[in-house]
PDB file of N, CA and C in Angstrom:
ATOM      1  N   MET A   1     109.373  20.156 158.128  1.00  0.00           N
ATOM      2  CA  MET A   1     108.084  20.068 158.758  1.00  0.00           C
ATOM      3  C   MET A   1     107.022  20.476 157.721  1.00  0.00           C
ATOM      4  N   SER A   2     105.956  19.697 157.622  1.00  0.00           N
ATOM      5  CA  SER A   2     104.923  19.999 156.639  1.00  0.00           C
ATOM      6  C   SER A   2     103.900  20.976 157.218  1.00  0.00           C
ATOM      7  N   LYS A   3     103.273  21.737 156.316  1.00  0.00           N
ATOM      8  CA  LYS A   3     102.273  22.706 156.710  1.00  0.00           C
ATOM      9  C   LYS A   3     101.004  21.984 157.168  1.00  0.00           C
ATOM     10  N   LYS A   4     100.463  22.412 158.288  1.00  0.00           N
ATOM     11  CA  LYS A   4      99.248  21.816 158.823  1.00  0.00           C
ATOM     12  C   LYS A   4      98.046  22.343 158.045  1.00  0.00           C
ATOM     13  N   ARG A   5      97.202  21.443 157.549  1.00  0.00           N
ATOM     14  CA  ARG A   5      96.010  21.854 156.812  1.00  0.00           C
ATOM     15  C   ARG A   5      94.909  22.247 157.769  1.00  0.00           C
ATOM     16  N   LYS A   6      94.318  23.393 157.500  1.00  0.00           N
ATOM     17  CA  LYS A   6      93.227  23.886 158.324  1.00  0.00           C
ATOM     18  C   LYS A   6      91.908  23.323 157.805  1.00  0.00           C
ATOM     19  N   LYS A   7      91.064  22.894 158.715  1.00  0.00           N
ATOM     20  CA  LYS A   7      89.736  22.412 158.332  1.00  0.00           C
ATOM     21  C   LYS A   7      88.825  23.627 158.228  1.00  0.00           C
ATOM     22  N   HIS A   8      88.233  23.796 157.062  1.00  0.00           N
ATOM     23  CA  HIS A   8      87.368  24.940 156.826  1.00  0.00           C
ATOM     24  C   HIS A   8      85.934  24.630 157.245  1.00  0.00           C
ATOM     25  N   GLY A   9      85.263  25.648 157.779  1.00  0.00           N
ATOM     26  CA  GLY A   9      83.868  25.513 158.164  1.00  0.00           C
ATOM     27  C   GLY A   9      82.964  25.446 156.943  1.00  0.00           C
ATOM     28  N   LYS A  10      81.690  25.289 157.199  1.00  0.00           N
ATOM     29  CA  LYS A  10      80.715  25.158 156.135  1.00  0.00           C
ATOM     30  C   LYS A  10      80.473  26.512 155.462  1.00  0.00           C
ATOM     31  N   SER A  11      80.491  26.511 154.146  1.00  0.00           N
ATOM     32  CA  SER A  11      80.256  27.713 153.367  1.00  0.00           C
ATOM     33  C   SER A  11      78.762  27.989 153.233  1.00  0.00           C
ATOM     34  N   ILE A  12      78.383  29.260 153.327  1.00  0.00           N
ATOM     35  CA  ILE A  12      76.996  29.632 153.060  1.00  0.00           C
ATOM     36  C   ILE A  12      76.814  29.955 151.575  1.00  0.00           C
ATOM     37  N   LEU A  13      77.901  29.915 150.819  1.00  0.00           N
ATOM     38  CA  LEU A  13      77.862  30.229 149.385  1.00  0.00           C
ATOM     39  C   LEU A  13      77.922  28.989 148.506  1.00  0.00           C
ATOM     40  N   HIS A  14      78.774  28.072 148.876  1.00  0.00           N
ATOM     41  CA  HIS A  14      79.113  26.941 148.016  1.00  0.00           C
ATOM     42  C   HIS A  14      78.540  25.658 148.608  1.00  0.00           C
ATOM     43  N   LYS A  15      77.576  25.076 147.940  1.00  0.00           N
ATOM     44  CA  LYS A  15      76.951  23.846 148.435  1.00  0.00           C
ATOM     45  C   LYS A  15      77.976  22.716 148.495  1.00  0.00           C
ATOM     46  N   GLU A  16      77.884  21.915 149.556  1.00  0.00           N
ATOM     47  CA  GLU A  16      78.840  20.829 149.772  1.00  0.00           C
ATOM     48  C   GLU A  16      78.868  19.826 148.620  1.00  0.00           C
ATOM     49  N   GLU A  17      77.721  19.562 148.020  1.00  0.00           N
ATOM     50  CA  GLU A  17      77.695  18.576 146.928  1.00  0.00           C
ATOM     51  C   GLU A  17      78.431  19.062 145.672  1.00  0.00           C
ATOM     52  N   TYR A  18      78.776  20.361 145.648  1.00  0.00           N
ATOM     53  CA  TYR A  18      79.537  20.903 144.520  1.00  0.00           C
ATOM     54  C   TYR A  18      80.977  21.251 144.911  1.00  0.00           C
ATOM     55  N   ALA A  19      81.479  20.677 145.991  1.00  0.00           N
ATOM     56  CA  ALA A  19      82.818  21.007 146.489  1.00  0.00           C
ATOM     57  C   ALA A  19      83.927  20.664 145.499  1.00  0.00           C
ATOM     58  N   ASP A  20      83.663  19.749 144.575  1.00  0.00           N
ATOM     59  CA  ASP A  20      84.675  19.387 143.571  1.00  0.00           C
ATOM     60  C   ASP A  20      84.473  20.144 142.259  1.00  0.00           C
ATOM     61  N   ARG A  21      83.681  21.238 142.322  1.00  0.00           N
ATOM     62  CA  ARG A  21      83.435  22.085 141.160  1.00  0.00           C
ATOM     63  C   ARG A  21      83.774  23.531 141.531  1.00  0.00           C
ATOM     64  N   CYS A  22      84.282  24.260 140.583  1.00  0.00           N
ATOM     65  CA  CYS A  22      84.682  25.650 140.817  1.00  0.00           C
ATOM     66  C   CYS A  22      83.440  26.550 140.899  1.00  0.00           C
ATOM     67  N   TYR A  23      83.344  27.302 141.992  1.00  0.00           N
ATOM     68  CA  TYR A  23      82.205  28.191 142.200  1.00  0.00           C
ATOM     69  C   TYR A  23      82.072  29.206 141.066  1.00  0.00           C
ATOM     70  N   LEU A  24      83.187  29.796 140.641  1.00  0.00           N
ATOM     71  CA  LEU A  24      83.118  30.804 139.582  1.00  0.00           C
ATOM     72  C   LEU A  24      82.871  30.189 138.213  1.00  0.00           C
ATOM     73  N   CYS A  25      83.394  29.001 137.955  1.00  0.00           N
ATOM     74  CA  CYS A  25      83.073  28.312 136.696  1.00  0.00           C
ATOM     75  C   CYS A  25      81.563  28.084 136.608  1.00  0.00           C
ATOM     76  N   MET A  26      80.965  27.669 137.731  1.00  0.00           N
ATOM     77  CA  MET A  26      79.522  27.416 137.760  1.00  0.00           C
ATOM     78  C   MET A  26      78.733  28.721 137.640  1.00  0.00           C
ATOM     79  N   THR A  27      79.129  29.737 138.402  1.00  0.00           N
ATOM     80  CA  THR A  27      78.382  30.983 138.472  1.00  0.00           C
ATOM     81  C   THR A  27      78.506  31.815 137.199  1.00  0.00           C
ATOM     82  N   LEU A  28      79.706  31.927 136.676  1.00  0.00           N
ATOM     83  CA  LEU A  28      79.939  32.796 135.521  1.00  0.00           C
ATOM     84  C   LEU A  28      79.744  32.098 134.174  1.00  0.00           C
ATOM     85  N   ASN A  29      80.064  30.803 134.125  1.00  0.00           N
ATOM     86  CA  ASN A  29      80.084  30.100 132.837  1.00  0.00           C
ATOM     87  C   ASN A  29      79.106  28.938 132.745  1.00  0.00           C
ATOM     88  N   ASP A  30      78.326  28.718 133.805  1.00  0.00           N
ATOM     89  CA  ASP A  30      77.392  27.583 133.847  1.00  0.00           C
ATOM     90  C   ASP A  30      78.116  26.264 133.561  1.00  0.00           C
ATOM     91  N   ASN A  31      79.369  26.174 134.041  1.00  0.00           N
ATOM     92  CA  ASN A  31      80.209  24.992 133.832  1.00  0.00           C
ATOM     93  C   ASN A  31      80.283  24.211 135.140  1.00  0.00           C
ATOM     94  N   TYR A  32      79.640  23.045 135.158  1.00  0.00           N
ATOM     95  CA  TYR A  32      79.579  22.219 136.365  1.00  0.00           C
ATOM     96  C   TYR A  32      80.542  21.027 136.298  1.00  0.00           C
ATOM     97  N   ALA A  33      81.564  21.130 135.483  1.00  0.00           N
ATOM     98  CA  ALA A  33      82.526  20.036 135.343  1.00  0.00           C
ATOM     99  C   ALA A  33      83.311  19.845 136.637  1.00  0.00           C
ATOM    100  N   VAL A  34      83.553  18.587 136.991  1.00  0.00           N
ATOM    101  CA  VAL A  34      84.367  18.254 138.154  1.00  0.00           C
ATOM    102  C   VAL A  34      85.813  18.629 137.838  1.00  0.00           C
ATOM    103  N   LYS A  35      86.485  19.264 138.790  1.00  0.00           N
ATOM    104  CA  LYS A  35      87.865  19.706 138.592  1.00  0.00           C
ATOM    105  C   LYS A  35      88.748  19.129 139.694  1.00  0.00           C
ATOM    106  N   SER A  36      89.986  18.881 139.364  1.00  0.00           N
ATOM    107  CA  SER A  36      90.950  18.457 140.385  1.00  0.00           C
ATOM    108  C   SER A  36      91.744  19.685 140.832  1.00  0.00           C
ATOM    109  N   GLY A  37      92.364  19.572 141.989  1.00  0.00           N
ATOM    110  CA  GLY A  37      93.200  20.667 142.486  1.00  0.00           C
ATOM    111  C   GLY A  37      92.413  21.888 142.934  1.00  0.00           C
ATOM    112  N   MET A  38      91.231  21.667 143.446  1.00  0.00           N
ATOM    113  CA  MET A  38      90.407  22.780 143.914  1.00  0.00           C
ATOM    114  C   MET A  38      91.050  23.429 145.144  1.00  0.00           C
ATOM    115  N   GLU A  39      90.867  24.732 145.269  1.00  0.00           N
ATOM    116  CA  GLU A  39      91.443  25.490 146.375  1.00  0.00           C
ATOM    117  C   GLU A  39      90.343  26.271 147.086  1.00  0.00           C
ATOM    118  N   THR A  40      90.439  26.367 148.402  1.00  0.00           N
ATOM    119  CA  THR A  40      89.477  27.145 149.172  1.00  0.00           C
ATOM    120  C   THR A  40      89.886  28.608 149.147  1.00  0.00           C
ATOM    121  N   HIS A  41      88.927  29.458 148.814  1.00  0.00           N
ATOM    122  CA  HIS A  41      89.170  30.897 148.777  1.00  0.00           C
ATOM    123  C   HIS A  41      88.303  31.584 149.821  1.00  0.00           C
ATOM    124  N   HIS A  42      88.921  32.390 150.658  1.00  0.00           N
ATOM    125  CA  HIS A  42      88.208  33.217 151.634  1.00  0.00           C
ATOM    126  C   HIS A  42      87.797  34.484 150.890  1.00  0.00           C
ATOM    127  N   VAL A  43      86.502  34.653 150.686  1.00  0.00           N
ATOM    128  CA  VAL A  43      86.016  35.756 149.868  1.00  0.00           C
ATOM    129  C   VAL A  43      86.464  37.095 150.432  1.00  0.00           C
ATOM    130  N   MET A  44      86.348  37.257 151.724  1.00  0.00           N
ATOM    131  CA  MET A  44      86.794  38.489 152.366  1.00  0.00           C
ATOM    132  C   MET A  44      88.187  38.205 152.944  1.00  0.00           C
ATOM    133  N   PHE A  45      89.192  38.881 152.424  1.00  0.00           N
ATOM    134  CA  PHE A  45      90.555  38.642 152.897  1.00  0.00           C
ATOM    135  C   PHE A  45      91.268  39.974 153.058  1.00  0.00           C
ATOM    136  N   GLY A  46      92.398  39.931 153.731  1.00  0.00           N
ATOM    137  CA  GLY A  46      93.168  41.143 153.990  1.00  0.00           C
ATOM    138  C   GLY A  46      92.601  41.904 155.177  1.00  0.00           C
ATOM    139  N   GLN A  47      93.439  42.679 155.841  1.00  0.00           N
ATOM    140  CA  GLN A  47      93.054  43.540 156.959  1.00  0.00           C
ATOM    141  C   GLN A  47      92.251  42.795 158.028  1.00  0.00           C
ATOM    142  N   GLY A  48      92.650  41.565 158.349  1.00  0.00           N
ATOM    143  CA  GLY A  48      92.008  40.802 159.410  1.00  0.00           C
ATOM    144  C   GLY A  48      90.648  40.226 159.055  1.00  0.00           C
ATOM    145  N   ARG A  49      90.278  40.237 157.769  1.00  0.00           N
ATOM    146  CA  ARG A  49      88.961  39.753 157.366  1.00  0.00           C
ATOM    147  C   ARG A  49      88.917  38.255 157.081  1.00  0.00           C
ATOM    148  N   ARG A  50      90.059  37.632 156.937  1.00  0.00           N
ATOM    149  CA  ARG A  50      90.086  36.205 156.605  1.00  0.00           C
ATOM    150  C   ARG A  50      89.408  35.357 157.689  1.00  0.00           C
ATOM    151  N   ASP A  51      89.719  35.616 158.947  1.00  0.00           N
ATOM    152  CA  ASP A  51      89.112  34.857 160.040  1.00  0.00           C
ATOM    153  C   ASP A  51      87.608  35.110 160.118  1.00  0.00           C
ATOM    154  N   LYS A  52      87.197  36.359 159.884  1.00  0.00           N
ATOM    155  CA  LYS A  52      85.762  36.668 159.864  1.00  0.00           C
ATOM    156  C   LYS A  52      85.079  35.922 158.712  1.00  0.00           C
ATOM    157  N   SER A  53      85.728  35.912 157.573  1.00  0.00           N
ATOM    158  CA  SER A  53      85.195  35.210 156.404  1.00  0.00           C
ATOM    159  C   SER A  53      85.005  33.729 156.709  1.00  0.00           C
ATOM    160  N   GLU A  54      85.986  33.152 157.368  1.00  0.00           N
ATOM    161  CA  GLU A  54      85.918  31.742 157.762  1.00  0.00           C
ATOM    162  C   GLU A  54      84.759  31.521 158.736  1.00  0.00           C
ATOM    163  N   ALA A  55      84.668  32.370 159.750  1.00  0.00           N
ATOM    164  CA  ALA A  55      83.619  32.231 160.758  1.00  0.00           C
ATOM    165  C   ALA A  55      82.220  32.421 160.168  1.00  0.00           C
ATOM    166  N   ASP A  56      82.105  33.289 159.181  1.00  0.00           N
ATOM    167  CA  ASP A  56      80.808  33.598 158.578  1.00  0.00           C
ATOM    168  C   ASP A  56      80.438  32.676 157.417  1.00  0.00           C
ATOM    169  N   GLY A  57      81.324  31.746 157.071  1.00  0.00           N
ATOM    170  CA  GLY A  57      81.036  30.825 155.977  1.00  0.00           C
ATOM    171  C   GLY A  57      81.180  31.451 154.607  1.00  0.00           C
ATOM    172  N   LEU A  58      81.991  32.484 154.500  1.00  0.00           N
ATOM    173  CA  LEU A  58      82.187  33.178 153.228  1.00  0.00           C
ATOM    174  C   LEU A  58      83.421  32.637 152.511  1.00  0.00           C
ATOM    175  N   THR A  59      83.347  31.350 152.197  1.00  0.00           N
ATOM    176  CA  THR A  59      84.407  30.676 151.460  1.00  0.00           C
ATOM    177  C   THR A  59      83.794  29.974 150.262  1.00  0.00           C
ATOM    178  N   VAL A  60      84.594  29.827 149.224  1.00  0.00           N
ATOM    179  CA  VAL A  60      84.177  29.087 148.036  1.00  0.00           C
ATOM    180  C   VAL A  60      85.336  28.228 147.573  1.00  0.00           C
ATOM    181  N   ARG A  61      85.036  27.203 146.815  1.00  0.00           N
ATOM    182  CA  ARG A  61      86.064  26.358 146.211  1.00  0.00           C
ATOM    183  C   ARG A  61      86.268  26.862 144.789  1.00  0.00           C
ATOM    184  N   LEU A  62      87.518  27.093 144.429  1.00  0.00           N
ATOM    185  CA  LEU A  62      87.859  27.614 143.107  1.00  0.00           C
ATOM    186  C   LEU A  62      88.909  26.752 142.438  1.00  0.00           C
ATOM    187  N   CYS A  63      88.836  26.691 141.109  1.00  0.00           N
ATOM    188  CA  CYS A  63      89.912  26.062 140.352  1.00  0.00           C
ATOM    189  C   CYS A  63      91.134  26.989 140.454  1.00  0.00           C
ATOM    190  N   ARG A  64      92.301  26.464 140.171  1.00  0.00           N
ATOM    191  CA  ARG A  64      93.527  27.272 140.304  1.00  0.00           C
ATOM    192  C   ARG A  64      93.449  28.547 139.466  1.00  0.00           C
ATOM    193  N   GLU A  65      92.934  28.431 138.249  1.00  0.00           N
ATOM    194  CA  GLU A  65      92.852  29.588 137.348  1.00  0.00           C
ATOM    195  C   GLU A  65      91.998  30.713 137.954  1.00  0.00           C
ATOM    196  N   HIS A  66      90.821  30.359 138.452  1.00  0.00           N
ATOM    197  CA  HIS A  66      89.965  31.382 139.034  1.00  0.00           C
ATOM    198  C   HIS A  66      90.505  31.885 140.374  1.00  0.00           C
ATOM    199  N   HIS A  67      91.167  31.038 141.135  1.00  0.00           N
ATOM    200  CA  HIS A  67      91.729  31.500 142.403  1.00  0.00           C
ATOM    201  C   HIS A  67      92.806  32.557 142.152  1.00  0.00           C
ATOM    202  N   ARG A  68      93.657  32.316 141.175  1.00  0.00           N
ATOM    203  CA  ARG A  68      94.679  33.322 140.827  1.00  0.00           C
ATOM    204  C   ARG A  68      94.009  34.580 140.292  1.00  0.00           C
ATOM    205  N   ALA A  69      92.988  34.408 139.457  1.00  0.00           N
ATOM    206  CA  ALA A  69      92.313  35.543 138.830  1.00  0.00           C
ATOM    207  C   ALA A  69      91.640  36.449 139.858  1.00  0.00           C
ATOM    208  N   VAL A  70      90.988  35.863 140.854  1.00  0.00           N
ATOM    209  CA  VAL A  70      90.268  36.672 141.833  1.00  0.00           C
ATOM    210  C   VAL A  70      91.227  37.490 142.703  1.00  0.00           C
ATOM    211  N   HIS A  71      92.465  37.039 142.840  1.00  0.00           N
ATOM    212  CA  HIS A  71      93.460  37.812 143.582  1.00  0.00           C
ATOM    213  C   HIS A  71      94.109  38.893 142.713  1.00  0.00           C
ATOM    214  N   ARG A  72      94.010  38.767 141.405  1.00  0.00           N
ATOM    215  CA  ARG A  72      94.588  39.757 140.489  1.00  0.00           C
ATOM    216  C   ARG A  72      93.568  40.766 139.974  1.00  0.00           C
ATOM    217  N   ASP A  73      92.315  40.354 139.827  1.00  0.00           N
ATOM    218  CA  ASP A  73      91.291  41.152 139.152  1.00  0.00           C
ATOM    219  C   ASP A  73      90.321  41.745 140.175  1.00  0.00           C
ATOM    220  N   ASN A  74      90.441  43.062 140.428  1.00  0.00           N
ATOM    221  CA  ASN A  74      89.588  43.707 141.424  1.00  0.00           C
ATOM    222  C   ASN A  74      88.110  43.660 141.044  1.00  0.00           C
ATOM    223  N   GLY A  75      87.797  43.707 139.763  1.00  0.00           N
ATOM    224  CA  GLY A  75      86.409  43.629 139.326  1.00  0.00           C
ATOM    225  C   GLY A  75      85.801  42.284 139.678  1.00  0.00           C
ATOM    226  N   LEU A  76      86.528  41.216 139.419  1.00  0.00           N
ATOM    227  CA  LEU A  76      86.067  39.870 139.746  1.00  0.00           C
ATOM    228  C   LEU A  76      85.939  39.711 141.260  1.00  0.00           C
ATOM    229  N   ARG A  77      86.895  40.260 141.979  1.00  0.00           N
ATOM    230  CA  ARG A  77      86.841  40.189 143.443  1.00  0.00           C
ATOM    231  C   ARG A  77      85.611  40.909 143.976  1.00  0.00           C
ATOM    232  N   ARG A  78      85.306  42.095 143.439  1.00  0.00           N
ATOM    233  CA  ARG A  78      84.134  42.852 143.894  1.00  0.00           C
ATOM    234  C   ARG A  78      82.834  42.104 143.615  1.00  0.00           C
ATOM    235  N   ILE A  79      82.761  41.434 142.474  1.00  0.00           N
ATOM    236  CA  ILE A  79      81.572  40.634 142.158  1.00  0.00           C
ATOM    237  C   ILE A  79      81.397  39.549 143.207  1.00  0.00           C
ATOM    238  N   LEU A  80      82.469  38.835 143.515  1.00  0.00           N
ATOM    239  CA  LEU A  80      82.408  37.764 144.510  1.00  0.00           C
ATOM    240  C   LEU A  80      82.065  38.318 145.898  1.00  0.00           C
ATOM    241  N   CYS A  81      82.602  39.474 146.236  1.00  0.00           N
ATOM    242  CA  CYS A  81      82.293  40.105 147.522  1.00  0.00           C
ATOM    243  C   CYS A  81      80.830  40.521 147.594  1.00  0.00           C
ATOM    244  N   ALA A  82      80.280  41.018 146.499  1.00  0.00           N
ATOM    245  CA  ALA A  82      78.864  41.410 146.471  1.00  0.00           C
ATOM    246  C   ALA A  82      77.958  40.193 146.632  1.00  0.00           C
ATOM    247  N   ILE A  83      78.323  39.080 146.002  1.00  0.00           N
ATOM    248  CA  ILE A  83      77.562  37.834 146.162  1.00  0.00           C
ATOM    249  C   ILE A  83      77.620  37.378 147.618  1.00  0.00           C
ATOM    250  N   ALA A  84      78.814  37.456 148.215  1.00  0.00           N
ATOM    251  CA  ALA A  84      78.995  37.060 149.614  1.00  0.00           C
ATOM    252  C   ALA A  84      78.184  37.962 150.536  1.00  0.00           C
ATOM    253  N   GLN A  85      78.198  39.260 150.268  1.00  0.00           N
ATOM    254  CA  GLN A  85      77.435  40.187 151.102  1.00  0.00           C
ATOM    255  C   GLN A  85      75.945  39.861 151.038  1.00  0.00           C
ATOM    256  N   ARG A  86      75.440  39.613 149.856  1.00  0.00           N
ATOM    257  CA  ARG A  86      74.018  39.292 149.722  1.00  0.00           C
ATOM    258  C   ARG A  86      73.671  38.027 150.512  1.00  0.00           C
ATOM    259  N   ALA A  87      74.523  37.002 150.413  1.00  0.00           N
ATOM    260  CA  ALA A  87      74.277  35.747 151.149  1.00  0.00           C
ATOM    261  C   ALA A  87      74.345  35.978 152.658  1.00  0.00           C
ATOM    262  N   TRP A  88      75.321  36.763 153.129  1.00  0.00           N
ATOM    263  CA  TRP A  88      75.455  37.049 154.554  1.00  0.00           C
ATOM    264  C   TRP A  88      74.244  37.817 155.056  1.00  0.00           C
ATOM    265  N   GLU A  89      73.813  38.826 154.295  1.00  0.00           N
ATOM    266  CA  GLU A  89      72.645  39.613 154.697  1.00  0.00           C
ATOM    267  C   GLU A  89      71.391  38.735 154.751  1.00  0.00           C
ATOM    268  N   ASP A  90      71.221  37.855 153.770  1.00  0.00           N
ATOM    269  CA  ASP A  90      70.073  36.941 153.777  1.00  0.00           C
ATOM    270  C   ASP A  90      70.105  36.046 155.020  1.00  0.00           C
ATOM    271  N   ALA A  91      71.300  35.571 155.378  1.00  0.00           N
ATOM    272  CA  ALA A  91      71.446  34.680 156.534  1.00  0.00           C
ATOM    273  C   ALA A  91      71.246  35.399 157.869  1.00  0.00           C
ATOM    274  N   HIS A  92      71.418  36.720 157.888  1.00  0.00           N
ATOM    275  CA  HIS A  92      71.354  37.480 159.137  1.00  0.00           C
ATOM    276  C   HIS A  92      70.182  38.466 159.197  1.00  0.00           C
ATOM    277  N   ARG A  93      69.319  38.459 158.196  1.00  0.00           N
ATOM    278  CA  ARG A  93      68.214  39.418 158.135  1.00  0.00           C
ATOM    279  C   ARG A  93      67.272  39.292 159.342  1.00  0.00           C
ATOM    280  N   VAL A  94      66.957  38.078 159.753  1.00  0.00           N
ATOM    281  CA  VAL A  94      66.065  37.890 160.904  1.00  0.00           C
ATOM    282  C   VAL A  94      66.735  38.435 162.173  1.00  0.00           C
ATOM    283  N   GLN A  95      68.014  38.184 162.322  1.00  0.00           N
ATOM    284  CA  GLN A  95      68.747  38.613 163.518  1.00  0.00           C
ATOM    285  C   GLN A  95      68.871  40.141 163.600  1.00  0.00           C
ATOM    286  N   TYR A  96      69.185  40.798 162.462  1.00  0.00           N
ATOM    287  CA  TYR A  96      69.468  42.232 162.487  1.00  0.00           C
ATOM    288  C   TYR A  96      68.376  43.102 161.881  1.00  0.00           C
ATOM    289  N   GLY A  97      67.413  42.503 161.206  1.00  0.00           N
ATOM    290  CA  GLY A  97      66.315  43.263 160.613  1.00  0.00           C
ATOM    291  C   GLY A  97      66.800  44.308 159.630  1.00  0.00           C
ATOM    292  N   SER A  98      66.246  45.501 159.728  1.00  0.00           N
ATOM    293  CA  SER A  98      66.580  46.566 158.776  1.00  0.00           C
ATOM    294  C   SER A  98      68.014  47.078 158.931  1.00  0.00           C
ATOM    295  N   ALA A  99      68.692  46.701 160.007  1.00  0.00           N
ATOM    296  CA  ALA A  99      70.080  47.133 160.236  1.00  0.00           C
ATOM    297  C   ALA A  99      71.101  46.162 159.648  1.00  0.00           C
ATOM    298  N   VAL A 100      70.645  45.163 158.883  1.00  0.00           N
ATOM    299  CA  VAL A 100      71.553  44.123 158.389  1.00  0.00           C
ATOM    300  C   VAL A 100      72.657  44.713 157.492  1.00  0.00           C
ATOM    301  N   ARG A 101      72.337  45.664 156.636  1.00  0.00           N
ATOM    302  CA  ARG A 101      73.353  46.285 155.762  1.00  0.00           C
ATOM    303  C   ARG A 101      74.367  47.055 156.588  1.00  0.00           C
ATOM    304  N   GLN A 102      73.901  47.768 157.598  1.00  0.00           N
ATOM    305  CA  GLN A 102      74.799  48.508 158.480  1.00  0.00           C
ATOM    306  C   GLN A 102      75.725  47.550 159.229  1.00  0.00           C
ATOM    307  N   ARG A 103      75.189  46.421 159.702  1.00  0.00           N
ATOM    308  CA  ARG A 103      76.006  45.415 160.407  1.00  0.00           C
ATOM    309  C   ARG A 103      77.090  44.858 159.497  1.00  0.00           C
ATOM    310  N   TRP A 104      76.724  44.556 158.231  1.00  0.00           N
ATOM    311  CA  TRP A 104      77.716  44.068 157.272  1.00  0.00           C
ATOM    312  C   TRP A 104      78.839  45.095 157.122  1.00  0.00           C
ATOM    313  N   THR A 105      78.451  46.344 156.909  1.00  0.00           N
ATOM    314  CA  THR A 105      79.438  47.398 156.677  1.00  0.00           C
ATOM    315  C   THR A 105      80.332  47.596 157.892  1.00  0.00           C
ATOM    316  N   GLU A 106      79.782  47.499 159.081  1.00  0.00           N
ATOM    317  CA  GLU A 106      80.599  47.590 160.296  1.00  0.00           C
ATOM    318  C   GLU A 106      81.574  46.423 160.368  1.00  0.00           C
ATOM    319  N   ARG A 107      81.124  45.233 159.983  1.00  0.00           N
ATOM    320  CA  ARG A 107      81.952  44.026 160.090  1.00  0.00           C
ATOM    321  C   ARG A 107      83.045  43.994 159.026  1.00  0.00           C
ATOM    322  N   TYR A 108      82.695  44.376 157.791  1.00  0.00           N
ATOM    323  CA  TYR A 108      83.642  44.243 156.683  1.00  0.00           C
ATOM    324  C   TYR A 108      84.121  45.568 156.089  1.00  0.00           C
ATOM    325  N   GLY A 109      83.611  46.691 156.589  1.00  0.00           N
ATOM    326  CA  GLY A 109      84.144  47.987 156.221  1.00  0.00           C
ATOM    327  C   GLY A 109      83.759  48.532 154.860  1.00  0.00           C
ATOM    328  N   ARG A 110      82.831  47.855 154.167  1.00  0.00           N
ATOM    329  CA  ARG A 110      82.491  48.286 152.814  1.00  0.00           C
ATOM    330  C   ARG A 110      81.165  47.670 152.381  1.00  0.00           C
ATOM    331  N   ASN A 111      80.386  48.455 151.641  1.00  0.00           N
ATOM    332  CA  ASN A 111      79.128  47.969 151.100  1.00  0.00           C
ATOM    333  C   ASN A 111      79.335  47.646 149.614  1.00  0.00           C
ATOM    334  N   TYR A 112      79.445  46.373 149.288  1.00  0.00           N
ATOM    335  CA  TYR A 112      79.692  45.961 147.911  1.00  0.00           C
ATOM    336  C   TYR A 112      78.430  46.004 147.058  1.00  0.00           C
ATOM    337  N   GLN A 113      77.256  46.089 147.672  1.00  0.00           N
ATOM    338  CA  GLN A 113      76.017  46.133 146.912  1.00  0.00           C
ATOM    339  C   GLN A 113      75.909  47.440 146.113  1.00  0.00           C
ATOM    340  N   GLU A 114      76.473  48.506 146.619  1.00  0.00           N
ATOM    341  CA  GLU A 114      76.461  49.783 145.909  1.00  0.00           C
ATOM    342  C   GLU A 114      77.370  49.751 144.684  1.00  0.00           C
ATOM    343  N   GLU A 115      78.346  48.862 144.681  1.00  0.00           N
ATOM    344  CA  GLU A 115      79.320  48.792 143.590  1.00  0.00           C
ATOM    345  C   GLU A 115      78.889  47.870 142.462  1.00  0.00           C
ATOM    346  N   TRP A 116      77.947  46.972 142.764  1.00  0.00           N
ATOM    347  CA  TRP A 116      77.568  45.968 141.777  1.00  0.00           C
ATOM    348  C   TRP A 116      76.700  46.550 140.739  1.00  0.00           C
TER     349      TRP A 116
END
């Protein structure tokens, strides 16, 4: 039996027109080359955060090299989490006002902006 592919929601981080380009290649290296074998990465993962990440649009498309790297390198992961937090806060600032940082921390258990 083959694995059923899940349809991912729209990312608030990764523009659809760049879905065939690696988010980290573009962000870190200014490399906009089209890549094959792109993989969807849930920025917030572990401890039940994957579904929240999916619901909140905190996904990016990564090349295989960067996808493996972000799971191995805590520094790289924290950078990506801080970018995701900033995007989530921007998207929810009107809804939560000055409590937006507190809402993020309640939802994801950590403030990555202090670490960046």
